[in-house]
Amino acid sequence: MPTGANSKRKYNYVWISAVILIFGIFAVYEMTKKLKDGELVEKDRMSVQSLQQKVGYVVGNGQKRKVPPFSFLNQDSTLVSNKDYLGKVYVVEFFFTTCPTICPVMTKNLVELQNTFKDFEDFGVASFTINPRYDTPGVLKNYADKYGIKNKDWHLLTGDRDTIYRLAQEGFYIVANEVEDAPGGFEHSGMFALVDKQGYIRSRDDAHGNPLIYYRGTITEKQGVNAEGEAQQITMLKEDIKKLLLEK
């Protein structure tokens, strides 16, 4: 074959390879942008799941752990139950409005989640006060206004103290106690639980294959790492919320 033909063919191969490479880079960029902006569509689902870790079920006594029934008043004095969250992906926390330490950071992190998923009607938050004697619906309403809580499915919930403590300790295995010597008079863990649309508690696995169960809510993305060397998990929580929002 003439030398000129060989050169032309090689040039065509190089040009085609360059086009494929550019297309691939663009596709990865678009997928990353969709994830970042919360605009992931169903056709991207399988590609993203192949790149990211799955969000498994938290298991106890051989059964998938589900949020137990609850019913409390929210900041608008409206009765809200676990049934109101069915069909939604939501984050659970236990806090109190006069907390002098970790609660303000936890609330700011949840506001960050609220703003990230503001275009998703199936995302919510359940904030249970562990000081219901003080945190009345009116107090919770003022707290919501102070921190810019606007999501209609972010309920700040109050009710019987012992019922709330049982929900925390037996339903979520999260620390929540009245302790005289603790800052503000109450002890709590500062962890977030993630719940799917069917009411199951979900979590990704850690590096050793064990479920994280909870997500650290006391460190911001901007802070990155706290004084004890613990890393923030809000970025991780955002990723897992996105994956659960895609589930049918």
Protein backbone atom coordinates (compact mmCIF):
# COMPACT_ATOMS: atom_id res chain seq x y z
CA MET A 1 0.00 0.00 0.00
CA PRO A 2 1.36 3.49 -0.76
CA THR A 3 3.09 5.33 2.04
CA GLY A 4 0.67 8.24 1.74
CA ALA A 5 -2.31 5.98 2.46
CA ASN A 6 -0.62 4.59 5.60
CA SER A 7 0.04 8.09 6.88
CA LYS A 8 -3.55 9.11 6.22
CA ARG A 9 -4.88 6.04 8.05
CA LYS A 10 -2.63 6.68 11.07
CA TYR A 11 -3.80 10.28 11.14
CA ASN A 12 -7.43 9.10 11.15
CA TYR A 13 -6.77 6.70 14.05
CA VAL A 14 -5.14 9.46 16.08
CA TRP A 15 -8.01 11.84 15.39
CA ILE A 16 -10.65 9.24 16.33
CA SER A 17 -8.77 8.37 19.56
CA ALA A 18 -8.60 12.03 20.50
CA VAL A 19 -12.35 12.43 19.96
CA ILE A 20 -13.10 9.37 22.14
CA LEU A 21 -10.82 10.67 24.92
CA ILE A 22 -12.42 14.11 24.88
CA PHE A 23 -15.93 12.59 24.93
CA GLY A 24 -15.01 10.38 27.88
CA ILE A 25 -13.62 13.30 29.89
CA PHE A 26 -16.74 15.33 29.15
CA ALA A 27 -19.05 12.49 30.21
CA VAL A 28 -17.24 12.07 33.55
CA TYR A 29 -17.37 15.84 34.10
CA GLU A 30 -21.10 15.96 33.43
CA MET A 31 -21.79 13.06 35.80
CA THR A 32 -19.71 14.64 38.55
CA LYS A 33 -21.49 17.96 38.06
CA LYS A 34 -24.89 16.31 38.30
CA LEU A 35 -23.90 14.63 41.56
CA LYS A 36 -22.56 17.89 42.96
CA ASP A 37 -25.63 19.88 41.95
CA GLY A 38 -28.12 17.23 43.05
CA GLU A 39 -29.40 16.85 39.48
CA LEU A 40 -28.70 13.17 38.94
CA VAL A 41 -31.25 11.55 36.64
CA GLU A 42 -32.39 7.95 36.49
CA LYS A 43 -30.40 7.07 33.34
CA ASP A 44 -27.18 7.88 35.24
CA ARG A 45 -28.09 5.68 38.16
CA MET A 46 -26.27 2.46 37.24
CA SER A 47 -23.09 4.28 36.21
CA VAL A 48 -22.93 6.18 39.49
CA GLN A 49 -23.69 3.15 41.64
CA SER A 50 -20.82 1.28 40.02
CA LEU A 51 -18.47 4.06 41.14
CA GLN A 52 -19.81 4.66 44.63
CA GLN A 53 -20.25 2.50 47.70
CA LYS A 54 -23.72 1.14 48.34
CA VAL A 55 -25.77 2.23 51.32
CA GLY A 56 -26.60 -0.95 53.21
CA TYR A 57 -29.18 -1.76 55.85
CA VAL A 58 -28.42 -1.58 59.56
CA VAL A 59 -29.20 -5.00 61.03
CA GLY A 60 -30.07 -5.97 64.60
CA ASN A 61 -30.95 -9.47 65.82
CA GLY A 62 -30.88 -10.66 62.23
CA GLN A 63 -33.49 -8.14 61.11
CA LYS A 64 -33.25 -4.88 59.20
CA ARG A 65 -33.66 -2.12 61.74
CA LYS A 66 -36.66 0.09 61.15
CA VAL A 67 -37.62 3.35 62.83
CA PRO A 68 -40.17 2.50 65.56
CA PRO A 69 -43.52 4.28 65.66
CA PHE A 70 -43.48 7.79 67.14
CA SER A 71 -45.82 10.75 67.38
CA PHE A 72 -44.85 14.22 68.68
CA LEU A 73 -45.75 17.87 68.27
CA ASN A 74 -43.60 19.94 65.92
CA GLN A 75 -42.65 23.62 65.98
CA ASP A 76 -46.06 24.54 64.53
CA SER A 77 -47.90 22.53 67.22
CA THR A 78 -48.86 19.96 64.57
CA LEU A 79 -48.84 16.28 65.46
CA VAL A 80 -46.20 14.48 63.36
CA SER A 81 -45.60 10.72 63.28
CA ASN A 82 -43.21 8.33 61.58
CA LYS A 83 -45.91 7.75 58.98
CA ASP A 84 -45.53 11.34 57.79
CA TYR A 85 -41.96 10.50 56.75
CA LEU A 86 -42.83 7.44 54.66
CA GLY A 87 -41.79 8.03 51.06
CA LYS A 88 -39.06 10.42 52.17
CA VAL A 89 -35.34 10.10 52.84
CA TYR A 90 -34.62 11.83 56.14
CA VAL A 91 -31.94 12.50 58.72
CA VAL A 92 -32.57 12.03 62.44
CA GLU A 93 -30.90 13.92 65.27
CA PHE A 94 -31.39 14.36 69.03
CA PHE A 95 -30.62 17.87 70.28
CA PHE A 96 -31.80 20.67 72.58
CA THR A 97 -32.11 24.37 71.90
CA THR A 98 -30.04 25.58 74.89
CA CYS A 99 -27.11 23.26 74.11
CA PRO A 100 -23.89 25.24 74.64
CA THR A 101 -21.59 22.90 72.70
CA ILE A 102 -22.30 20.66 69.72
CA CYS A 103 -25.95 21.38 68.81
CA PRO A 104 -25.35 24.67 66.97
CA VAL A 105 -22.81 22.91 64.73
CA MET A 106 -25.18 20.00 64.17
CA THR A 107 -27.97 22.39 63.20
CA LYS A 108 -25.71 24.27 60.77
CA ASN A 109 -24.77 20.96 59.15
CA LEU A 110 -28.44 20.06 58.79
CA VAL A 111 -29.19 23.47 57.29
CA GLU A 112 -26.41 22.74 54.80
CA LEU A 113 -28.19 19.48 53.91
CA GLN A 114 -31.50 21.32 53.69
CA ASN A 115 -30.03 23.80 51.21
CA THR A 116 -28.27 21.09 49.21
CA PHE A 117 -31.50 19.16 48.70
CA LYS A 118 -33.89 22.13 48.55
CA ASP A 119 -35.25 20.97 45.18
CA PHE A 120 -36.15 17.49 46.44
CA GLU A 121 -39.65 17.15 47.85
CA ASP A 122 -38.79 13.72 49.28
CA PHE A 123 -36.05 14.89 51.66
CA GLY A 124 -36.64 15.79 55.30
CA VAL A 125 -35.19 16.02 58.80
CA ALA A 126 -36.49 14.87 62.18
CA SER A 127 -35.00 16.77 65.14
CA PHE A 128 -36.07 15.39 68.53
CA THR A 129 -35.45 17.59 71.55
CA ILE A 130 -34.05 15.85 74.64
CA ASN A 131 -35.18 18.77 76.82
CA PRO A 132 -38.92 18.86 76.12
CA ARG A 133 -39.73 20.60 79.41
CA TYR A 134 -38.11 23.75 78.02
CA ASP A 135 -38.34 23.12 74.28
CA THR A 136 -42.01 23.80 73.68
CA PRO A 137 -43.38 24.24 70.15
CA GLY A 138 -42.98 28.00 70.56
CA VAL A 139 -39.33 27.70 71.59
CA LEU A 140 -38.67 25.31 68.72
CA LYS A 141 -40.35 27.73 66.30
CA ASN A 142 -38.00 30.52 67.40
CA TYR A 143 -35.04 28.18 67.02
CA ALA A 144 -36.15 27.25 63.50
CA ASP A 145 -36.42 30.92 62.54
CA LYS A 146 -33.02 31.70 64.05
CA TYR A 147 -31.22 29.04 62.00
CA GLY A 148 -33.16 29.41 58.75
CA ILE A 149 -35.03 26.12 58.90
CA LYS A 150 -37.42 26.30 55.96
CA ASN A 151 -37.93 22.74 54.69
CA LYS A 152 -41.59 21.85 55.23
CA ASP A 153 -40.49 18.32 56.12
CA TRP A 154 -37.98 19.39 58.76
CA HIS A 155 -39.89 18.89 61.99
CA LEU A 156 -38.50 19.90 65.38
CA LEU A 157 -40.31 17.51 67.68
CA THR A 158 -41.21 17.66 71.36
CA GLY A 159 -43.29 15.56 73.74
CA ASP A 160 -42.98 13.23 76.70
CA ARG A 161 -39.35 13.12 77.87
CA ASP A 162 -39.23 9.40 78.68
CA THR A 163 -40.83 8.49 75.36
CA ILE A 164 -38.22 10.54 73.51
CA TYR A 165 -35.41 8.92 75.51
CA ARG A 166 -36.74 5.44 74.71
CA LEU A 167 -36.90 6.34 71.03
CA ALA A 168 -33.28 7.52 71.14
CA GLN A 169 -31.84 4.67 73.17
CA GLU A 170 -33.96 1.70 72.08
CA GLY A 171 -35.06 2.82 68.62
CA PHE A 172 -31.82 4.36 67.34
CA TYR A 173 -29.28 3.28 70.00
CA ILE A 174 -28.27 6.94 70.29
CA VAL A 175 -27.18 8.44 73.61
CA ALA A 176 -29.72 10.86 75.11
CA ASN A 177 -29.83 11.49 78.85
CA GLU A 178 -30.33 14.20 81.42
CA VAL A 179 -26.96 14.45 83.21
CA GLU A 180 -26.46 17.17 85.77
CA ASP A 181 -22.71 17.58 85.19
CA ALA A 182 -22.91 17.52 81.37
CA PRO A 183 -22.71 20.81 79.42
CA GLY A 184 -26.20 22.30 79.46
CA GLY A 185 -27.42 19.48 81.70
CA PHE A 186 -27.86 16.86 78.98
CA GLU A 187 -25.70 14.21 77.35
CA HIS A 188 -26.04 13.27 73.69
CA SER A 189 -23.81 11.83 70.99
CA GLY A 190 -23.99 14.36 68.16
CA MET A 191 -24.55 11.63 65.57
CA PHE A 192 -27.02 11.62 62.68
CA ALA A 193 -29.03 8.59 61.56
CA LEU A 194 -30.11 8.17 57.94
CA VAL A 195 -33.52 6.71 57.11
CA ASP A 196 -34.82 5.58 53.72
CA LYS A 197 -38.24 5.99 52.11
CA GLN A 198 -39.56 2.79 53.69
CA GLY A 199 -38.44 3.76 57.19
CA TYR A 200 -35.30 1.57 57.39
CA ILE A 201 -32.13 2.87 59.01
CA ARG A 202 -29.35 2.84 56.42
CA SER A 203 -25.57 3.22 56.42
CA ARG A 204 -22.52 2.59 54.26
CA ASP A 205 -19.73 0.32 55.49
CA ASP A 206 -16.43 1.53 56.87
CA ALA A 207 -13.01 0.52 55.54
CA HIS A 208 -13.25 -2.80 57.44
CA GLY A 209 -16.63 -3.77 56.01
CA ASN A 210 -18.62 -2.86 59.14
CA PRO A 211 -21.63 -0.52 58.95
CA LEU A 212 -20.95 3.01 60.14
CA ILE A 213 -24.55 3.11 61.43
CA TYR A 214 -24.31 6.85 62.19
CA TYR A 215 -22.78 9.93 60.59
CA ARG A 216 -20.75 12.41 62.61
CA GLY A 217 -22.75 15.63 62.86
CA THR A 218 -20.39 17.76 64.95
CA ILE A 219 -17.80 18.67 62.30
CA THR A 220 -18.48 20.83 59.27
CA GLU A 221 -17.20 20.21 55.75
CA LYS A 222 -15.19 23.42 55.97
CA GLN A 223 -13.60 22.38 59.26
CA GLY A 224 -12.62 19.00 57.84
CA VAL A 225 -11.07 17.48 60.95
CA ASN A 226 -11.61 18.22 64.64
CA ALA A 227 -9.04 18.53 67.43
CA GLU A 228 -9.20 14.77 68.07
CA GLY A 229 -8.33 13.99 64.46
CA GLU A 230 -11.83 12.82 63.55
CA ALA A 231 -12.85 13.61 59.97
CA GLN A 232 -16.11 15.28 58.94
CA GLN A 233 -18.77 12.96 57.50
CA ILE A 234 -21.20 15.48 56.03
CA THR A 235 -19.83 14.99 52.51
CA MET A 236 -20.32 11.25 52.94
CA LEU A 237 -23.85 11.81 54.23
CA LYS A 238 -24.69 13.98 51.22
CA GLU A 239 -23.50 11.23 48.88
CA ASP A 240 -25.58 8.60 50.63
CA ILE A 241 -28.70 10.77 50.73
CA LYS A 242 -28.40 11.19 46.95
CA LYS A 243 -28.20 7.44 46.48
CA LEU A 244 -31.27 6.80 48.65
CA LEU A 245 -33.23 9.49 46.84
CA LEU A 246 -32.72 7.50 43.63
CA GLU A 247 -34.13 4.31 45.12
CA LYS A 248 -37.64 3.33 44.15
